[in-house]
Amino acid sequence: MLGCTDWGFLVLTASEFVLGMLGNGFIGLVNGSSWFKSKRISLSDFIITNLALSRIVLLGTLLVDGVLMVFSSKLHDEGIVMQMIDIFWTFTNHLSIWLSTCLSVFYCLKVASFSHPAFLWLKWRVSRVVVWMLMSTLLLACSSTVSLVHEFKIYSVLSGIDGTGNMTEQVLKKRNEYKLIHVLGTLWNLLPLTVSLASYFLLILSLGRHTRQMQQNCTGSRDPSTEAHKRAIKIILSFLFLFLLYFLSFLILSSSYFLPATKMIKMIGEVITMLYPAGHSYILILGNSKLKQTFMEMLWCGHGHLKPGSKGPFSP
């Protein structure tokens, strides 16, 4: 029999999964169809589309993980099922976080304005810089996934020894080391977080300089450059907020090895984890003019204010 906690967890995860699939599916459908029709796609749309696709797989993996946690904790914690979940989660998680970081860097280099030679060099080569980051992201995701094979071997050996009941001091030490590796493994997220923070602060500094120049020239504060700064800042700030929650959930899930009430802690961590890939998709939709326009037109059609195929107030 499932308790109230289990049912509440299933309802929350299912709701986050549906919302995330709708948001990320919408991004993939709009950008994918536009790419198919025009045979061209901008770099920012390419990043956002791949980000949405990676999050669709990530949300599916997290949903399966949550369902198994409730209905079959033994199957969730042991064997090939756990390994498959770890592989899918590791690959899509790395891909999702670094694609978001690439998007932050792209917005920063495109929008911010500084006279420093290093920044100008990066700004002039923004496409090349972001493409190299994307290639490095794919390589990192693949490398992290391959590294799991070694961890699986250690886990298999430890599980076999644990099953015999022959737990020597050396085996206990190795098992604690294995758990500690999982806890410290969350620290790799500090690198993309640091890069995104740097992009955010550069945009803030650039906006401040630009605003002062506008005031000195007696120009209005709602010029295109100012609006671009503010839009990019909102997108990156929302990413940072959700990513901090995501990072917190990593710590909760990893620390569950050493804390009591492990299942409850894992449930809390899982719910927080799903907020990031589900919620950030809607922020990207509202921050992208093409996606926002299509989304609003779809809402107007759904409410009967606009006939399908006709142009509404959000059309160019």
Protein backbone atom coordinates (compact mmCIF):
# COMPACT_ATOMS: atom_id res chain seq x y z
CA MET A 1 0.00 0.00 0.00
CA LEU A 2 1.26 3.45 -0.90
CA GLY A 3 1.23 6.12 1.78
CA CYS A 4 0.29 9.79 1.46
CA THR A 5 3.95 10.70 1.01
CA ASP A 6 4.34 8.30 -1.91
CA TRP A 7 1.17 9.56 -3.62
CA GLY A 8 2.16 13.18 -3.07
CA PHE A 9 5.59 12.49 -4.56
CA LEU A 10 4.08 10.75 -7.61
CA VAL A 11 1.62 13.60 -8.22
CA LEU A 12 4.37 16.25 -7.99
CA THR A 13 6.79 14.39 -10.26
CA ALA A 14 4.06 13.58 -12.81
CA SER A 15 2.95 17.25 -12.86
CA GLU A 16 6.51 18.50 -13.33
CA PHE A 17 7.07 15.89 -16.04
CA VAL A 18 3.95 16.95 -17.99
CA LEU A 19 4.76 20.67 -17.69
CA GLY A 20 8.37 20.07 -18.70
CA MET A 21 7.42 17.92 -21.68
CA LEU A 22 4.92 20.54 -22.88
CA GLY A 23 7.44 23.40 -22.60
CA ASN A 24 10.44 21.58 -24.05
CA GLY A 25 8.30 19.83 -26.67
CA PHE A 26 6.93 23.20 -27.79
CA ILE A 27 10.48 24.58 -28.18
CA GLY A 28 11.61 21.53 -30.14
CA LEU A 29 8.52 21.58 -32.38
CA VAL A 30 8.65 25.31 -33.22
CA ASN A 31 12.41 25.51 -33.81
CA GLY A 32 12.50 22.11 -35.52
CA SER A 33 9.74 22.98 -37.98
CA SER A 34 11.34 26.37 -38.70
CA TRP A 35 14.68 24.64 -39.31
CA PHE A 36 13.04 22.09 -41.61
CA LYS A 37 11.23 24.77 -43.67
CA SER A 38 14.07 27.27 -44.08
CA LYS A 39 16.95 24.73 -44.03
CA ARG A 40 18.74 27.22 -41.75
CA ILE A 41 18.89 27.82 -38.03
CA SER A 42 20.57 30.46 -35.90
CA LEU A 43 23.19 29.45 -33.33
CA SER A 44 21.00 30.49 -30.40
CA ASP A 45 18.01 28.51 -31.75
CA PHE A 46 20.30 25.51 -32.33
CA ILE A 47 21.45 25.61 -28.68
CA ILE A 48 17.91 26.07 -27.34
CA THR A 49 16.55 23.23 -29.51
CA ASN A 50 19.23 20.77 -28.38
CA LEU A 51 18.74 21.96 -24.81
CA ALA A 52 15.02 21.17 -25.05
CA LEU A 53 15.69 17.72 -26.54
CA SER A 54 18.23 16.84 -23.83
CA ARG A 55 15.74 17.90 -21.16
CA ILE A 56 12.99 15.76 -22.63
CA VAL A 57 15.21 12.69 -22.17
CA LEU A 58 16.33 13.96 -18.73
CA LEU A 59 12.73 14.40 -17.55
CA GLY A 60 11.82 10.93 -18.80
CA THR A 61 14.80 9.43 -16.96
CA LEU A 62 13.89 11.25 -13.74
CA LEU A 63 10.26 10.10 -14.01
CA VAL A 64 11.29 6.45 -14.42
CA ASP A 65 13.71 6.87 -11.50
CA GLY A 66 10.94 8.30 -9.29
CA VAL A 67 8.41 5.59 -10.20
CA LEU A 68 10.92 2.83 -9.47
CA MET A 69 11.83 4.50 -6.18
CA VAL A 70 8.20 4.24 -5.05
CA PHE A 71 7.14 0.87 -6.46
CA SER A 72 10.41 -1.11 -6.46
CA SER A 73 13.18 0.33 -4.31
CA LYS A 74 15.30 -2.82 -4.68
CA LEU A 75 15.14 -2.67 -8.49
CA HIS A 76 15.86 1.07 -8.27
CA ASP A 77 19.03 0.59 -6.20
CA GLU A 78 20.52 -2.52 -7.77
CA GLY A 79 21.45 -4.15 -11.03
CA ILE A 80 21.25 -3.17 -14.68
CA VAL A 81 18.22 -0.89 -14.22
CA MET A 82 20.14 1.39 -11.86
CA GLN A 83 23.09 1.44 -14.26
CA MET A 84 20.90 2.37 -17.25
CA ILE A 85 19.27 5.19 -15.26
CA ASP A 86 22.72 6.45 -14.21
CA ILE A 87 23.97 6.40 -17.82
CA PHE A 88 20.99 8.31 -19.25
CA TRP A 89 20.91 10.74 -16.34
CA THR A 90 24.67 11.46 -16.43
CA PHE A 91 24.76 12.09 -20.18
CA THR A 92 21.64 14.26 -20.43
CA ASN A 93 22.43 16.08 -17.18
CA HIS A 94 25.92 17.11 -18.35
CA LEU A 95 24.53 18.04 -21.76
CA SER A 96 21.67 20.12 -20.33
CA ILE A 97 23.77 22.10 -17.86
CA TRP A 98 26.57 22.90 -20.31
CA LEU A 99 24.16 23.82 -23.11
CA SER A 100 22.57 26.33 -20.71
CA THR A 101 26.04 27.65 -19.92
CA CYS A 102 26.82 27.96 -23.64
CA LEU A 103 23.60 29.94 -24.05
CA SER A 104 24.62 32.29 -21.21
CA VAL A 105 28.04 32.86 -22.82
CA PHE A 106 26.41 33.45 -26.21
CA TYR A 107 24.03 36.09 -24.81
CA CYS A 108 26.88 37.76 -22.94
CA LEU A 109 29.18 38.00 -25.97
CA LYS A 110 26.36 39.12 -28.25
CA VAL A 111 24.84 41.75 -25.99
CA ALA A 112 27.57 43.04 -23.65
CA SER A 113 29.94 45.76 -24.81
CA PHE A 114 33.49 46.22 -23.47
CA SER A 115 36.64 47.71 -25.00
CA HIS A 116 39.04 45.17 -23.51
CA PRO A 117 41.03 43.42 -26.31
CA ALA A 118 40.34 39.92 -24.92
CA PHE A 119 36.59 40.53 -24.79
CA LEU A 120 36.58 42.07 -28.27
CA TRP A 121 38.50 39.06 -29.62
CA LEU A 122 35.88 36.71 -28.12
CA LYS A 123 32.99 38.90 -29.32
CA TRP A 124 34.26 38.98 -32.90
CA ARG A 125 34.57 35.17 -32.83
CA VAL A 126 31.43 34.45 -30.82
CA SER A 127 30.15 31.77 -33.19
CA ARG A 128 33.48 29.95 -33.22
CA VAL A 129 33.82 30.20 -29.42
CA VAL A 130 30.32 28.82 -28.78
CA VAL A 131 30.75 26.02 -31.36
CA TRP A 132 33.97 24.94 -29.63
CA MET A 133 32.12 25.02 -26.30
CA LEU A 134 29.36 22.85 -27.78
CA MET A 135 31.88 20.29 -29.05
CA SER A 136 33.61 20.27 -25.65
CA THR A 137 30.21 19.82 -24.00
CA LEU A 138 29.46 16.72 -26.07
CA LEU A 139 32.93 15.31 -25.36
CA LEU A 140 32.56 15.97 -21.63
CA ALA A 141 29.13 14.31 -21.51
CA CYS A 142 30.47 11.22 -23.31
CA SER A 143 33.58 11.05 -21.08
CA SER A 144 31.49 11.31 -17.91
CA THR A 145 29.22 8.53 -19.13
CA VAL A 146 32.16 6.25 -19.98
CA SER A 147 33.70 6.90 -16.55
CA LEU A 148 30.62 5.30 -14.99
CA VAL A 149 31.86 1.89 -16.15
CA HIS A 150 34.66 2.02 -13.56
CA GLU A 151 32.20 3.04 -10.84
CA PHE A 152 29.87 0.19 -11.80
CA LYS A 153 32.75 -2.30 -11.42
CA ILE A 154 33.53 -0.99 -7.93
CA TYR A 155 29.85 -1.09 -6.97
CA SER A 156 29.52 -4.67 -8.29
CA VAL A 157 32.51 -5.85 -6.24
CA LEU A 158 31.25 -4.12 -3.08
CA SER A 159 27.73 -5.50 -3.54
CA GLY A 160 29.11 -9.01 -3.96
CA ILE A 161 31.15 -8.76 -0.79
CA ASP A 162 28.20 -7.23 1.07
CA GLY A 163 26.03 -10.17 0.00
CA THR A 164 28.45 -12.69 1.57
CA GLY A 165 28.37 -10.84 4.90
CA ASN A 166 32.19 -10.69 4.96
CA MET A 167 32.52 -6.94 5.67
CA THR A 168 36.14 -6.35 6.65
CA GLU A 169 37.47 -2.96 7.72
CA GLN A 170 39.15 -2.50 4.32
CA VAL A 171 35.88 -3.24 2.49
CA LEU A 172 33.98 -0.77 4.67
CA LYS A 173 36.63 1.84 3.92
CA LYS A 174 36.30 1.22 0.17
CA ARG A 175 32.52 1.46 0.40
CA ASN A 176 32.74 4.80 2.21
CA GLU A 177 35.19 6.02 -0.44
CA TYR A 178 32.70 5.06 -3.15
CA LYS A 179 29.95 7.02 -1.41
CA LEU A 180 32.27 9.99 -0.91
CA ILE A 181 33.06 10.01 -4.66
CA HIS A 182 29.33 10.46 -5.36
CA VAL A 183 29.11 13.36 -2.91
CA LEU A 184 32.21 15.11 -4.28
CA GLY A 185 31.00 14.42 -7.83
CA THR A 186 28.49 17.23 -7.43
CA LEU A 187 31.33 19.77 -7.26
CA TRP A 188 31.93 19.58 -11.03
CA ASN A 189 28.77 21.70 -11.33
CA LEU A 190 30.70 24.62 -9.87
CA LEU A 191 32.48 25.18 -13.20
CA PRO A 192 29.37 25.86 -15.37
CA LEU A 193 27.88 27.81 -12.46
CA THR A 194 31.00 30.00 -12.29
CA VAL A 195 30.98 30.60 -16.06
CA SER A 196 27.30 31.58 -15.98
CA LEU A 197 27.88 33.88 -12.99
CA ALA A 198 30.72 35.59 -14.86
CA SER A 199 28.44 36.09 -17.89
CA TYR A 200 25.72 37.55 -15.66
CA PHE A 201 28.05 40.04 -13.93
CA LEU A 202 29.57 41.11 -17.24
CA LEU A 203 26.07 41.86 -18.55
CA ILE A 204 25.27 43.82 -15.38
CA LEU A 205 28.46 45.89 -15.77
CA SER A 206 27.79 46.45 -19.47
CA LEU A 207 24.19 47.53 -18.76
CA GLY A 208 25.42 49.99 -16.10
CA ARG A 209 27.93 51.55 -18.49
CA HIS A 210 25.39 51.70 -21.29
CA THR A 211 22.75 53.34 -19.03
CA ARG A 212 25.22 56.02 -17.90
CA GLN A 213 26.10 56.78 -21.53
CA MET A 214 22.41 57.10 -22.40
CA GLN A 215 21.86 59.51 -19.48
CA GLN A 216 24.84 61.64 -20.53
CA ASN A 217 23.49 61.81 -24.08
CA CYS A 218 19.96 62.52 -22.80
CA THR A 219 18.68 59.44 -24.63
CA GLY A 220 15.71 57.37 -23.49
CA SER A 221 16.39 54.26 -21.38
CA ARG A 222 14.27 51.99 -23.58
CA ASP A 223 16.58 51.84 -26.59
CA PRO A 224 17.12 48.42 -28.27
CA SER A 225 20.51 47.83 -26.62
CA THR A 226 19.14 48.43 -23.13
CA GLU A 227 16.19 46.13 -23.75
CA ALA A 228 18.54 43.43 -25.09
CA HIS A 229 20.69 43.75 -21.95
CA LYS A 230 17.67 43.43 -19.66
CA ARG A 231 16.23 40.46 -21.56
CA ALA A 232 19.57 38.59 -21.49
CA ILE A 233 20.02 39.36 -17.78
CA LYS A 234 16.56 38.00 -16.95
CA ILE A 235 17.24 34.76 -18.85
CA ILE A 236 20.64 34.18 -17.24
CA LEU A 237 19.43 35.18 -13.75
CA SER A 238 16.50 32.75 -13.96
CA PHE A 239 18.91 30.03 -15.10
CA LEU A 240 21.18 30.75 -12.13
CA PHE A 241 18.29 30.63 -9.66
CA LEU A 242 16.98 27.30 -10.96
CA PHE A 243 20.49 25.93 -11.31
CA LEU A 244 21.23 26.73 -7.64
CA LEU A 245 18.13 24.72 -6.70
CA TYR A 246 19.34 21.96 -9.01
CA PHE A 247 22.77 22.01 -7.35
CA LEU A 248 21.09 21.89 -3.93
CA SER A 249 19.14 18.80 -4.99
CA PHE A 250 22.43 17.13 -6.02
CA LEU A 251 23.78 17.70 -2.52
CA ILE A 252 20.57 16.34 -0.99
CA LEU A 253 20.58 13.20 -3.16
CA SER A 254 24.30 12.58 -2.60
CA SER A 255 24.09 13.20 1.15
CA SER A 256 21.28 10.65 1.40
CA TYR A 257 24.00 7.98 1.63
CA PHE A 258 24.93 9.26 5.10
CA LEU A 259 21.57 10.45 6.45
CA PRO A 260 18.57 8.62 7.96
CA ALA A 261 15.18 8.50 6.23
CA THR A 262 16.98 8.03 2.91
CA LYS A 263 13.84 7.46 0.82
CA MET A 264 12.22 10.70 2.00
CA ILE A 265 15.42 12.67 1.30
CA LYS A 266 15.65 11.16 -2.18
CA MET A 267 12.03 12.12 -2.88
CA ILE A 268 12.64 15.73 -1.86
CA GLY A 269 15.79 15.86 -3.98
CA GLU A 270 13.99 14.35 -6.97
CA VAL A 271 11.16 16.92 -6.85
CA ILE A 272 13.64 19.82 -6.65
CA THR A 273 15.72 18.31 -9.46
CA MET A 274 12.77 18.22 -11.89
CA LEU A 275 12.02 21.93 -11.34
CA TYR A 276 15.09 22.96 -13.34
CA PRO A 277 14.48 21.19 -16.70
CA ALA A 278 10.72 21.81 -16.43
CA GLY A 279 10.66 25.46 -15.35
CA HIS A 280 13.55 26.85 -17.35
CA SER A 281 11.88 25.92 -20.66
CA TYR A 282 9.08 28.46 -20.06
CA ILE A 283 11.60 31.18 -19.21
CA LEU A 284 13.35 30.48 -22.52
CA ILE A 285 10.01 30.69 -24.36
CA LEU A 286 9.17 34.07 -22.81
CA GLY A 287 12.69 35.36 -23.45
CA ASN A 288 12.75 34.40 -27.13
CA SER A 289 10.69 36.68 -29.43
CA LYS A 290 9.86 33.97 -31.99
CA LEU A 291 8.87 31.37 -29.41
CA LYS A 292 6.90 33.90 -27.37
CA GLN A 293 5.00 35.12 -30.44
CA THR A 294 4.10 31.58 -31.50
CA PHE A 295 3.12 30.68 -27.94
CA MET A 296 0.85 33.73 -27.59
CA GLU A 297 -0.77 33.11 -30.99
CA MET A 298 -1.44 29.52 -29.95
CA LEU A 299 -3.08 30.74 -26.73
CA TRP A 300 -5.27 33.18 -28.67
CA CYS A 301 -6.32 30.39 -31.04
CA GLY A 302 -7.08 28.14 -28.07
CA HIS A 303 -9.34 30.78 -26.50
CA GLY A 304 -11.27 31.30 -29.73
CA HIS A 305 -10.01 34.84 -30.36
CA LEU A 306 -8.16 33.86 -33.49
CA LYS A 307 -9.01 31.52 -36.30
CA PRO A 308 -6.31 29.00 -37.21
CA GLY A 309 -4.18 30.26 -40.08
CA SER A 310 -5.13 33.92 -39.62
CA LYS A 311 -2.86 36.65 -38.30
CA GLY A 312 -3.40 37.97 -34.83
CA PRO A 313 -2.11 40.93 -32.85
CA PHE A 314 1.25 39.24 -32.25
CA SER A 315 1.96 38.58 -35.92
CA PRO A 316 4.51 40.79 -37.72
